[in-house]
Amino acid sequence: MSEAMPGPGADRTADDGAGAEPGGGGTAAVDEPAPLGVPREPTGLPGVDALLERLGEADHLPADGHLAVYEDVHRGLRAELTSLDAHPAPAPRPHDPRS
């Protein structure tokens, strides 16, 4: 085999950093949380719009903080959808004395 291609069992962590731990002081910089830049268009439903704006809070959190925001928004959107399925009670009809 050539020197460019180490054989099986060769130690590859010495030069190429393949075995380095994330954030272990390598040359790659760790990026700070940043917004994705995805525009949110209003839906016309104030409750839904407020929940979608809440998703923007995840833009500034580390990845392990996203789950709480996503679950909260998901619960809120489910509640909004459930409220759309709820039918109002029929209005009471006046008594018809002929019946």
PDB file of N, CA and C in Angstrom:
ATOM      1  N   MET A   1       0.844  -1.178   0.000  1.00  0.00           N
ATOM      2  CA  MET A   1       0.000   0.000   0.000  1.00  0.00           C
ATOM      3  C   MET A   1       0.881   1.229   0.000  1.00  0.00           C
ATOM      4  N   SER A   2       0.306   2.338  -0.491  1.00  0.00           N
ATOM      5  CA  SER A   2       1.081   3.571  -0.519  1.00  0.00           C
ATOM      6  C   SER A   2       0.917   4.314   0.804  1.00  0.00           C
ATOM      7  N   GLU A   3       1.751   5.328   1.005  1.00  0.00           N
ATOM      8  CA  GLU A   3       1.672   6.107   2.233  1.00  0.00           C
ATOM      9  C   GLU A   3       0.392   6.934   2.288  1.00  0.00           C
ATOM     10  N   ALA A   4      -0.195   7.271   1.146  1.00  0.00           N
ATOM     11  CA  ALA A   4      -1.404   8.086   1.111  1.00  0.00           C
ATOM     12  C   ALA A   4      -2.612   7.314   1.620  1.00  0.00           C
ATOM     13  N   MET A   5      -2.572   6.001   1.517  1.00  0.00           N
ATOM     14  CA  MET A   5      -3.697   5.178   1.934  1.00  0.00           C
ATOM     15  C   MET A   5      -3.238   4.254   3.042  1.00  0.00           C
ATOM     16  N   PRO A   6      -3.448   4.605   4.302  1.00  0.00           N
ATOM     17  CA  PRO A   6      -3.015   3.719   5.386  1.00  0.00           C
ATOM     18  C   PRO A   6      -3.808   2.417   5.368  1.00  0.00           C
ATOM     19  N   GLY A   7      -3.186   1.404   5.796  1.00  0.00           N
ATOM     20  CA  GLY A   7      -3.820   0.093   5.802  1.00  0.00           C
ATOM     21  C   GLY A   7      -4.790  -0.057   6.959  1.00  0.00           C
ATOM     22  N   PRO A   8      -5.497  -1.192   7.013  1.00  0.00           N
ATOM     23  CA  PRO A   8      -6.435  -1.440   8.101  1.00  0.00           C
ATOM     24  C   PRO A   8      -5.710  -1.420   9.442  1.00  0.00           C
ATOM     25  N   GLY A   9      -6.354  -0.815  10.418  1.00  0.00           N
ATOM     26  CA  GLY A   9      -5.793  -0.781  11.759  1.00  0.00           C
ATOM     27  C   GLY A   9      -4.814   0.354  11.969  1.00  0.00           C
ATOM     28  N   ALA A  10      -4.549   1.140  10.919  1.00  0.00           N
ATOM     29  CA  ALA A  10      -3.620   2.262  11.074  1.00  0.00           C
ATOM     30  C   ALA A  10      -4.277   3.351  11.912  1.00  0.00           C
ATOM     31  N   ASP A  11      -3.471   4.074  12.669  1.00  0.00           N
ATOM     32  CA  ASP A  11      -3.985   5.157  13.513  1.00  0.00           C
ATOM     33  C   ASP A  11      -4.228   6.385  12.641  1.00  0.00           C
ATOM     34  N   ARG A  12      -5.508   6.701  12.436  1.00  0.00           N
ATOM     35  CA  ARG A  12      -5.865   7.812  11.562  1.00  0.00           C
ATOM     36  C   ARG A  12      -6.105   9.099  12.337  1.00  0.00           C
ATOM     37  N   THR A  13      -6.056   9.064  13.650  1.00  0.00           N
ATOM     38  CA  THR A  13      -6.383  10.256  14.428  1.00  0.00           C
ATOM     39  C   THR A  13      -5.186  11.164  14.626  1.00  0.00           C
ATOM     40  N   ALA A  14      -4.001  10.724  14.250  1.00  0.00           N
ATOM     41  CA  ALA A  14      -2.800  11.500  14.531  1.00  0.00           C
ATOM     42  C   ALA A  14      -2.748  12.796  13.726  1.00  0.00           C
ATOM     43  N   ASP A  15      -3.041  12.757  12.422  1.00  0.00           N
ATOM     44  CA  ASP A  15      -2.852  13.930  11.585  1.00  0.00           C
ATOM     45  C   ASP A  15      -4.145  14.588  11.131  1.00  0.00           C
ATOM     46  N   ASP A  16      -5.160  13.788  10.812  1.00  0.00           N
ATOM     47  CA  ASP A  16      -6.335  14.358  10.153  1.00  0.00           C
ATOM     48  C   ASP A  16      -7.430  14.822  11.099  1.00  0.00           C
ATOM     49  N   GLY A  17      -7.320  14.590  12.388  1.00  0.00           N
ATOM     50  CA  GLY A  17      -8.312  15.057  13.351  1.00  0.00           C
ATOM     51  C   GLY A  17      -9.627  14.310  13.270  1.00  0.00           C
ATOM     52  N   ALA A  18      -9.665  13.177  12.580  1.00  0.00           N
ATOM     53  CA  ALA A  18     -10.920  12.441  12.421  1.00  0.00           C
ATOM     54  C   ALA A  18     -11.456  11.950  13.753  1.00  0.00           C
ATOM     55  N   GLY A  19     -10.593  11.724  14.725  1.00  0.00           N
ATOM     56  CA  GLY A  19     -11.050  11.229  16.011  1.00  0.00           C
ATOM     57  C   GLY A  19     -11.204  12.323  17.053  1.00  0.00           C
ATOM     58  N   ALA A  20     -11.044  13.572  16.638  1.00  0.00           N
ATOM     59  CA  ALA A  20     -11.147  14.674  17.597  1.00  0.00           C
ATOM     60  C   ALA A  20     -12.576  14.832  18.076  1.00  0.00           C
ATOM     61  N   GLU A  21     -12.709  15.239  19.316  1.00  0.00           N
ATOM     62  CA  GLU A  21     -14.035  15.450  19.882  1.00  0.00           C
ATOM     63  C   GLU A  21     -14.590  16.788  19.405  1.00  0.00           C
ATOM     64  N   PRO A  22     -15.920  16.883  19.236  1.00  0.00           N
ATOM     65  CA  PRO A  22     -16.504  18.158  18.840  1.00  0.00           C
ATOM     66  C   PRO A  22     -16.216  19.219  19.890  1.00  0.00           C
ATOM     67  N   GLY A  23     -15.829  20.403  19.418  1.00  0.00           N
ATOM     68  CA  GLY A  23     -15.540  21.493  20.338  1.00  0.00           C
ATOM     69  C   GLY A  23     -14.264  21.280  21.115  1.00  0.00           C
ATOM     70  N   GLY A  24     -13.427  20.356  20.678  1.00  0.00           N
ATOM     71  CA  GLY A  24     -12.222  20.013  21.407  1.00  0.00           C
ATOM     72  C   GLY A  24     -11.038  20.893  21.079  1.00  0.00           C
ATOM     73  N   GLY A  25     -11.259  22.110  20.591  1.00  0.00           N
ATOM     74  CA  GLY A  25     -10.150  23.013  20.329  1.00  0.00           C
ATOM     75  C   GLY A  25      -9.554  22.827  18.956  1.00  0.00           C
ATOM     76  N   GLY A  26     -10.257  22.213  18.036  1.00  0.00           N
ATOM     77  CA  GLY A  26      -9.778  22.065  16.674  1.00  0.00           C
ATOM     78  C   GLY A  26      -9.812  23.400  15.955  1.00  0.00           C
ATOM     79  N   THR A  27      -9.520  23.392  14.679  1.00  0.00           N
ATOM     80  CA  THR A  27      -9.483  24.633  13.920  1.00  0.00           C
ATOM     81  C   THR A  27     -10.865  25.121  13.514  1.00  0.00           C
ATOM     82  N   ALA A  28     -11.873  24.265  13.524  1.00  0.00           N
ATOM     83  CA  ALA A  28     -13.220  24.677  13.140  1.00  0.00           C
ATOM     84  C   ALA A  28     -13.864  25.470  14.273  1.00  0.00           C
ATOM     85  N   ALA A  29     -14.434  26.629  13.925  1.00  0.00           N
ATOM     86  CA  ALA A  29     -15.104  27.464  14.923  1.00  0.00           C
ATOM     87  C   ALA A  29     -16.506  26.939  15.182  1.00  0.00           C
ATOM     88  N   VAL A  30     -16.943  27.037  16.432  1.00  0.00           N
ATOM     89  CA  VAL A  30     -18.293  26.624  16.793  1.00  0.00           C
ATOM     90  C   VAL A  30     -19.222  27.796  16.510  1.00  0.00           C
ATOM     91  N   ASP A  31     -20.244  27.553  15.703  1.00  0.00           N
ATOM     92  CA  ASP A  31     -21.176  28.613  15.349  1.00  0.00           C
ATOM     93  C   ASP A  31     -22.149  28.869  16.481  1.00  0.00           C
ATOM     94  N   GLU A  32     -22.472  30.138  16.684  1.00  0.00           N
ATOM     95  CA  GLU A  32     -23.486  30.535  17.642  1.00  0.00           C
ATOM     96  C   GLU A  32     -24.856  30.279  17.016  1.00  0.00           C
ATOM     97  N   PRO A  33     -25.901  30.084  17.842  1.00  0.00           N
ATOM     98  CA  PRO A  33     -27.236  29.933  17.277  1.00  0.00           C
ATOM     99  C   PRO A  33     -27.592  31.172  16.464  1.00  0.00           C
ATOM    100  N   ALA A  34     -28.166  30.952  15.299  1.00  0.00           N
ATOM    101  CA  ALA A  34     -28.537  32.060  14.416  1.00  0.00           C
ATOM    102  C   ALA A  34     -29.864  31.746  13.746  1.00  0.00           C
ATOM    103  N   PRO A  35     -30.651  32.778  13.447  1.00  0.00           N
ATOM    104  CA  PRO A  35     -31.931  32.554  12.759  1.00  0.00           C
ATOM    105  C   PRO A  35     -31.709  31.928  11.388  1.00  0.00           C
ATOM    106  N   LEU A  36     -32.658  31.120  10.965  1.00  0.00           N
ATOM    107  CA  LEU A  36     -32.573  30.498   9.646  1.00  0.00           C
ATOM    108  C   LEU A  36     -32.990  31.451   8.538  1.00  0.00           C
ATOM    109  N   GLY A  37     -33.701  32.509   8.905  1.00  0.00           N
ATOM    110  CA  GLY A  37     -34.132  33.472   7.899  1.00  0.00           C
ATOM    111  C   GLY A  37     -35.365  33.029   7.134  1.00  0.00           C
ATOM    112  N   VAL A  38     -36.154  32.150   7.719  1.00  0.00           N
ATOM    113  CA  VAL A  38     -37.385  31.696   7.061  1.00  0.00           C
ATOM    114  C   VAL A  38     -38.498  32.680   7.405  1.00  0.00           C
ATOM    115  N   PRO A  39     -39.055  33.336   6.384  1.00  0.00           N
ATOM    116  CA  PRO A  39     -40.122  34.314   6.685  1.00  0.00           C
ATOM    117  C   PRO A  39     -41.397  33.619   7.150  1.00  0.00           C
ATOM    118  N   ARG A  40     -42.099  34.260   8.069  1.00  0.00           N
ATOM    119  CA  ARG A  40     -43.376  33.739   8.541  1.00  0.00           C
ATOM    120  C   ARG A  40     -44.469  34.651   8.018  1.00  0.00           C
ATOM    121  N   GLU A  41     -45.364  34.104   7.236  1.00  0.00           N
ATOM    122  CA  GLU A  41     -46.453  34.889   6.679  1.00  0.00           C
ATOM    123  C   GLU A  41     -47.673  34.776   7.585  1.00  0.00           C
ATOM    124  N   PRO A  42     -48.375  35.900   7.811  1.00  0.00           N
ATOM    125  CA  PRO A  42     -49.573  35.854   8.660  1.00  0.00           C
ATOM    126  C   PRO A  42     -50.651  34.956   8.051  1.00  0.00           C
ATOM    127  N   THR A  43     -51.344  34.237   8.914  1.00  0.00           N
ATOM    128  CA  THR A  43     -52.406  33.346   8.461  1.00  0.00           C
ATOM    129  C   THR A  43     -53.770  34.016   8.530  1.00  0.00           C
ATOM    130  N   GLY A  44     -53.866  35.098   9.303  1.00  0.00           N
ATOM    131  CA  GLY A  44     -55.148  35.745   9.509  1.00  0.00           C
ATOM    132  C   GLY A  44     -55.854  35.253  10.754  1.00  0.00           C
ATOM    133  N   LEU A  45     -55.314  34.227  11.380  1.00  0.00           N
ATOM    134  CA  LEU A  45     -55.859  33.706  12.640  1.00  0.00           C
ATOM    135  C   LEU A  45     -54.908  34.134  13.747  1.00  0.00           C
ATOM    136  N   PRO A  46     -55.339  35.058  14.611  1.00  0.00           N
ATOM    137  CA  PRO A  46     -54.420  35.603  15.627  1.00  0.00           C
ATOM    138  C   PRO A  46     -53.770  34.548  16.515  1.00  0.00           C
ATOM    139  N   GLY A  47     -54.497  33.524  16.911  1.00  0.00           N
ATOM    140  CA  GLY A  47     -53.920  32.480  17.763  1.00  0.00           C
ATOM    141  C   GLY A  47     -52.820  31.709  17.050  1.00  0.00           C
ATOM    142  N   VAL A  48     -53.044  31.382  15.788  1.00  0.00           N
ATOM    143  CA  VAL A  48     -52.055  30.646  15.002  1.00  0.00           C
ATOM    144  C   VAL A  48     -50.840  31.531  14.728  1.00  0.00           C
ATOM    145  N   ASP A  49     -51.092  32.790  14.379  1.00  0.00           N
ATOM    146  CA  ASP A  49     -49.985  33.711  14.104  1.00  0.00           C
ATOM    147  C   ASP A  49     -49.088  33.882  15.324  1.00  0.00           C
ATOM    148  N   ALA A  50     -49.685  33.977  16.505  1.00  0.00           N
ATOM    149  CA  ALA A  50     -48.896  34.119  17.733  1.00  0.00           C
ATOM    150  C   ALA A  50     -48.030  32.883  17.964  1.00  0.00           C
ATOM    151  N   LEU A  51     -48.589  31.707  17.702  1.00  0.00           N
ATOM    152  CA  LEU A  51     -47.824  30.471  17.885  1.00  0.00           C
ATOM    153  C   LEU A  51     -46.685  30.381  16.873  1.00  0.00           C
ATOM    154  N   LEU A  52     -46.932  30.777  15.640  1.00  0.00           N
ATOM    155  CA  LEU A  52     -45.876  30.726  14.632  1.00  0.00           C
ATOM    156  C   LEU A  52     -44.766  31.726  14.955  1.00  0.00           C
ATOM    157  N   GLU A  53     -45.116  32.867  15.503  1.00  0.00           N
ATOM    158  CA  GLU A  53     -44.093  33.825  15.922  1.00  0.00           C
ATOM    159  C   GLU A  53     -43.261  33.253  17.066  1.00  0.00           C
ATOM    160  N   ARG A  54     -43.875  32.437  17.903  1.00  0.00           N
ATOM    161  CA  ARG A  54     -43.142  31.811  19.006  1.00  0.00           C
ATOM    162  C   ARG A  54     -42.033  30.910  18.492  1.00  0.00           C
ATOM    163  N   LEU A  55     -42.210  30.354  17.298  1.00  0.00           N
ATOM    164  CA  LEU A  55     -41.148  29.531  16.718  1.00  0.00           C
ATOM    165  C   LEU A  55     -39.854  30.325  16.558  1.00  0.00           C
ATOM    166  N   GLY A  56     -39.975  31.637  16.388  1.00  0.00           N
ATOM    167  CA  GLY A  56     -38.789  32.476  16.259  1.00  0.00           C
ATOM    168  C   GLY A  56     -37.916  32.463  17.500  1.00  0.00           C
ATOM    169  N   GLU A  57     -38.500  32.128  18.648  1.00  0.00           N
ATOM    170  CA  GLU A  57     -37.714  32.050  19.877  1.00  0.00           C
ATOM    171  C   GLU A  57     -36.659  30.947  19.790  1.00  0.00           C
ATOM    172  N   ALA A  58     -36.939  29.923  19.015  1.00  0.00           N
ATOM    173  CA  ALA A  58     -35.982  28.819  18.883  1.00  0.00           C
ATOM    174  C   ALA A  58     -34.746  29.247  18.099  1.00  0.00           C
ATOM    175  N   ASP A  59     -34.862  30.323  17.302  1.00  0.00           N
ATOM    176  CA  ASP A  59     -33.723  30.783  16.507  1.00  0.00           C
ATOM    177  C   ASP A  59     -32.527  31.167  17.364  1.00  0.00           C
ATOM    178  N   HIS A  60     -32.771  31.613  18.578  1.00  0.00           N
ATOM    179  CA  HIS A  60     -31.689  32.117  19.410  1.00  0.00           C
ATOM    180  C   HIS A  60     -31.313  31.163  20.539  1.00  0.00           C
ATOM    181  N   LEU A  61     -31.858  29.954  20.485  1.00  0.00           N
ATOM    182  CA  LEU A  61     -31.560  28.954  21.510  1.00  0.00           C
ATOM    183  C   LEU A  61     -30.606  27.908  20.960  1.00  0.00           C
ATOM    184  N   PRO A  62     -29.819  27.293  21.826  1.00  0.00           N
ATOM    185  CA  PRO A  62     -29.042  26.137  21.364  1.00  0.00           C
ATOM    186  C   PRO A  62     -29.998  24.999  21.006  1.00  0.00           C
ATOM    187  N   ALA A  63     -29.520  24.046  20.251  1.00  0.00           N
ATOM    188  CA  ALA A  63     -30.368  22.969  19.740  1.00  0.00           C
ATOM    189  C   ALA A  63     -31.126  22.243  20.840  1.00  0.00           C
ATOM    190  N   ASP A  64     -30.529  22.067  22.026  1.00  0.00           N
ATOM    191  CA  ASP A  64     -31.225  21.330  23.079  1.00  0.00           C
ATOM    192  C   ASP A  64     -32.394  22.129  23.659  1.00  0.00           C
ATOM    193  N   GLY A  65     -32.513  23.412  23.346  1.00  0.00           N
ATOM    194  CA  GLY A  65     -33.639  24.213  23.807  1.00  0.00           C
ATOM    195  C   GLY A  65     -34.787  24.259  22.818  1.00  0.00           C
ATOM    196  N   HIS A  66     -34.574  23.769  21.605  1.00  0.00           N
ATOM    197  CA  HIS A  66     -35.609  23.815  20.574  1.00  0.00           C
ATOM    198  C   HIS A  66     -36.810  22.946  20.914  1.00  0.00           C
ATOM    199  N   LEU A  67     -36.579  21.809  21.512  1.00  0.00           N
ATOM    200  CA  LEU A  67     -37.642  20.851  21.758  1.00  0.00           C
ATOM    201  C   LEU A  67     -38.777  21.452  22.583  1.00  0.00           C
ATOM    202  N   ALA A  68     -38.450  22.173  23.623  1.00  0.00           N
ATOM    203  CA  ALA A  68     -39.489  22.762  24.480  1.00  0.00           C
ATOM    204  C   ALA A  68     -40.348  23.752  23.695  1.00  0.00           C
ATOM    205  N   VAL A  69     -39.714  24.557  22.845  1.00  0.00           N
ATOM    206  CA  VAL A  69     -40.469  25.527  22.041  1.00  0.00           C
ATOM    207  C   VAL A  69     -41.352  24.781  21.036  1.00  0.00           C
ATOM    208  N   TYR A  70     -40.784  23.804  20.345  1.00  0.00           N
ATOM    209  CA  TYR A  70     -41.556  23.055  19.339  1.00  0.00           C
ATOM    210  C   TYR A  70     -42.742  22.339  19.968  1.00  0.00           C
ATOM    211  N   GLU A  71     -42.535  21.723  21.125  1.00  0.00           N
ATOM    212  CA  GLU A  71     -43.642  21.016  21.781  1.00  0.00           C
ATOM    213  C   GLU A  71     -44.732  21.983  22.218  1.00  0.00           C
ATOM    214  N   ASP A  72     -44.346  23.142  22.722  1.00  0.00           N
ATOM    215  CA  ASP A  72     -45.330  24.140  23.144  1.00  0.00           C
ATOM    216  C   ASP A  72     -46.139  24.636  21.949  1.00  0.00           C
ATOM    217  N   VAL A  73     -45.464  24.940  20.852  1.00  0.00           N
ATOM    218  CA  VAL A  73     -46.164  25.400  19.647  1.00  0.00           C
ATOM    219  C   VAL A  73     -47.059  24.297  19.105  1.00  0.00           C
ATOM    220  N   HIS A  74     -46.585  23.069  19.124  1.00  0.00           N
ATOM    221  CA  HIS A  74     -47.385  21.940  18.630  1.00  0.00           C
ATOM    222  C   HIS A  74     -48.665  21.794  19.442  1.00  0.00           C
ATOM    223  N   ARG A  75     -48.536  21.880  20.773  1.00  0.00           N
ATOM    224  CA  ARG A  75     -49.731  21.798  21.633  1.00  0.00           C
ATOM    225  C   ARG A  75     -50.708  22.915  21.292  1.00  0.00           C
ATOM    226  N   GLY A  76     -50.190  24.124  21.119  1.00  0.00           N
ATOM    227  CA  GLY A  76     -51.049  25.254  20.800  1.00  0.00           C
ATOM    228  C   GLY A  76     -51.748  25.103  19.462  1.00  0.00           C
ATOM    229  N   LEU A  77     -51.024  24.620  18.459  1.00  0.00           N
ATOM    230  CA  LEU A  77     -51.637  24.418  17.145  1.00  0.00           C
ATOM    231  C   LEU A  77     -52.692  23.317  17.179  1.00  0.00           C
ATOM    232  N   ARG A  78     -52.429  22.267  17.946  1.00  0.00           N
ATOM    233  CA  ARG A  78     -53.443  21.204  18.096  1.00  0.00           C
ATOM    234  C   ARG A  78     -54.702  21.764  18.748  1.00  0.00           C
ATOM    235  N   ALA A  79     -54.528  22.614  19.753  1.00  0.00           N
ATOM    236  CA  ALA A  79     -55.679  23.215  20.425  1.00  0.00           C
ATOM    237  C   ALA A  79     -56.455  24.110  19.464  1.00  0.00           C
ATOM    238  N   GLU A  80     -55.746  24.852  18.633  1.00  0.00           N
ATOM    239  CA  GLU A  80     -56.410  25.700  17.638  1.00  0.00           C
ATOM    240  C   GLU A  80     -57.208  24.854  16.652  1.00  0.00           C
ATOM    241  N   LEU A  81     -56.619  23.756  16.197  1.00  0.00           N
ATOM    242  CA  LEU A  81     -57.334  22.873  15.263  1.00  0.00           C
ATOM    243  C   LEU A  81     -58.545  22.226  15.921  1.00  0.00           C
ATOM    244  N   THR A  82     -58.384  21.821  17.163  1.00  0.00           N
ATOM    245  CA  THR A  82     -59.498  21.211  17.887  1.00  0.00           C
ATOM    246  C   THR A  82     -60.636  22.206  18.044  1.00  0.00           C
ATOM    247  N   SER A  83     -60.301  23.458  18.299  1.00  0.00           N
ATOM    248  CA  SER A  83     -61.351  24.469  18.462  1.00  0.00           C
ATOM    249  C   SER A  83     -62.103  24.707  17.153  1.00  0.00           C
ATOM    250  N   LEU A  84     -61.458  24.476  16.024  1.00  0.00           N
ATOM    251  CA  LEU A  84     -62.145  24.626  14.736  1.00  0.00           C
ATOM    252  C   LEU A  84     -63.182  23.518  14.536  1.00  0.00           C
ATOM    253  N   ASP A  85     -62.914  22.355  15.120  1.00  0.00           N
ATOM    254  CA  ASP A  85     -63.847  21.228  14.993  1.00  0.00           C
ATOM    255  C   ASP A  85     -65.030  21.337  15.943  1.00  0.00           C
ATOM    256  N   ALA A  86     -64.885  22.123  16.980  1.00  0.00           N
ATOM    257  CA  ALA A  86     -65.969  22.252  17.960  1.00  0.00           C
ATOM    258  C   ALA A  86     -67.101  23.078  17.348  1.00  0.00           C
ATOM    259  N   HIS A  87     -68.271  22.512  17.351  1.00  0.00           N
ATOM    260  CA  HIS A  87     -69.429  23.215  16.814  1.00  0.00           C
ATOM    261  C   HIS A  87     -70.154  23.902  17.962  1.00  0.00           C
ATOM    262  N   PRO A  88     -70.587  25.137  17.724  1.00  0.00           N
ATOM    263  CA  PRO A  88     -71.329  25.809  18.795  1.00  0.00           C
ATOM    264  C   PRO A  88     -72.659  25.109  19.037  1.00  0.00           C
ATOM    265  N   ALA A  89     -73.123  25.179  20.251  1.00  0.00           N
ATOM    266  CA  ALA A  89     -74.418  24.578  20.590  1.00  0.00           C
ATOM    267  C   ALA A  89     -75.508  25.313  19.818  1.00  0.00           C
ATOM    268  N   PRO A  90     -76.487  24.567  19.335  1.00  0.00           N
ATOM    269  CA  PRO A  90     -77.550  25.239  18.589  1.00  0.00           C
ATOM    270  C   PRO A  90     -78.316  26.200  19.509  1.00  0.00           C
ATOM    271  N   ALA A  91     -78.716  27.302  18.926  1.00  0.00           N
ATOM    272  CA  ALA A  91     -79.477  28.291  19.697  1.00  0.00           C
ATOM    273  C   ALA A  91     -80.831  27.694  20.052  1.00  0.00           C
ATOM    274  N   PRO A  92     -81.301  27.934  21.258  1.00  0.00           N
ATOM    275  CA  PRO A  92     -82.610  27.386  21.636  1.00  0.00           C
ATOM    276  C   PRO A  92     -83.712  28.001  20.762  1.00  0.00           C
ATOM    277  N   ARG A  93     -84.603  27.145  20.332  1.00  0.00           N
ATOM    278  CA  ARG A  93     -85.716  27.612  19.500  1.00  0.00           C
ATOM    279  C   ARG A  93     -86.851  28.052  20.412  1.00  0.00           C
ATOM    280  N   PRO A  94     -87.576  29.063  19.982  1.00  0.00           N
ATOM    281  CA  PRO A  94     -88.721  29.489  20.805  1.00  0.00           C
ATOM    282  C   PRO A  94     -89.784  28.384  20.844  1.00  0.00           C
ATOM    283  N   HIS A  95     -90.498  28.329  21.941  1.00  0.00           N
ATOM    284  CA  HIS A  95     -91.530  27.310  22.114  1.00  0.00           C
ATOM    285  C   HIS A  95     -92.672  27.565  21.133  1.00  0.00           C
ATOM    286  N   ASP A  96     -93.060  26.517  20.436  1.00  0.00           N
ATOM    287  CA  ASP A  96     -94.181  26.626  19.512  1.00  0.00           C
ATOM    288  C   ASP A  96     -95.402  26.058  20.212  1.00  0.00           C
ATOM    289  N   PRO A  97     -96.365  26.902  20.544  1.00  0.00           N
ATOM    290  CA  PRO A  97     -97.521  26.408  21.302  1.00  0.00           C
ATOM    291  C   PRO A  97     -98.379  25.430  20.508  1.00  0.00           C
ATOM    292  N   ARG A  98     -98.193  25.309  19.213  1.00  0.00           N
ATOM    293  CA  ARG A  98     -99.024  24.400  18.412  1.00  0.00           C
ATOM    294  C   ARG A  98     -98.556  22.960  18.533  1.00  0.00           C
ATOM    295  N   SER A  99     -97.417  22.708  19.102  1.00  0.00           N
ATOM    296  CA  SER A  99     -96.941  21.330  19.133  1.00  0.00           C
ATOM    297  C   SER A  99     -97.431  20.551  20.295  1.00  0.00           C
TER     298      SER A  99
END
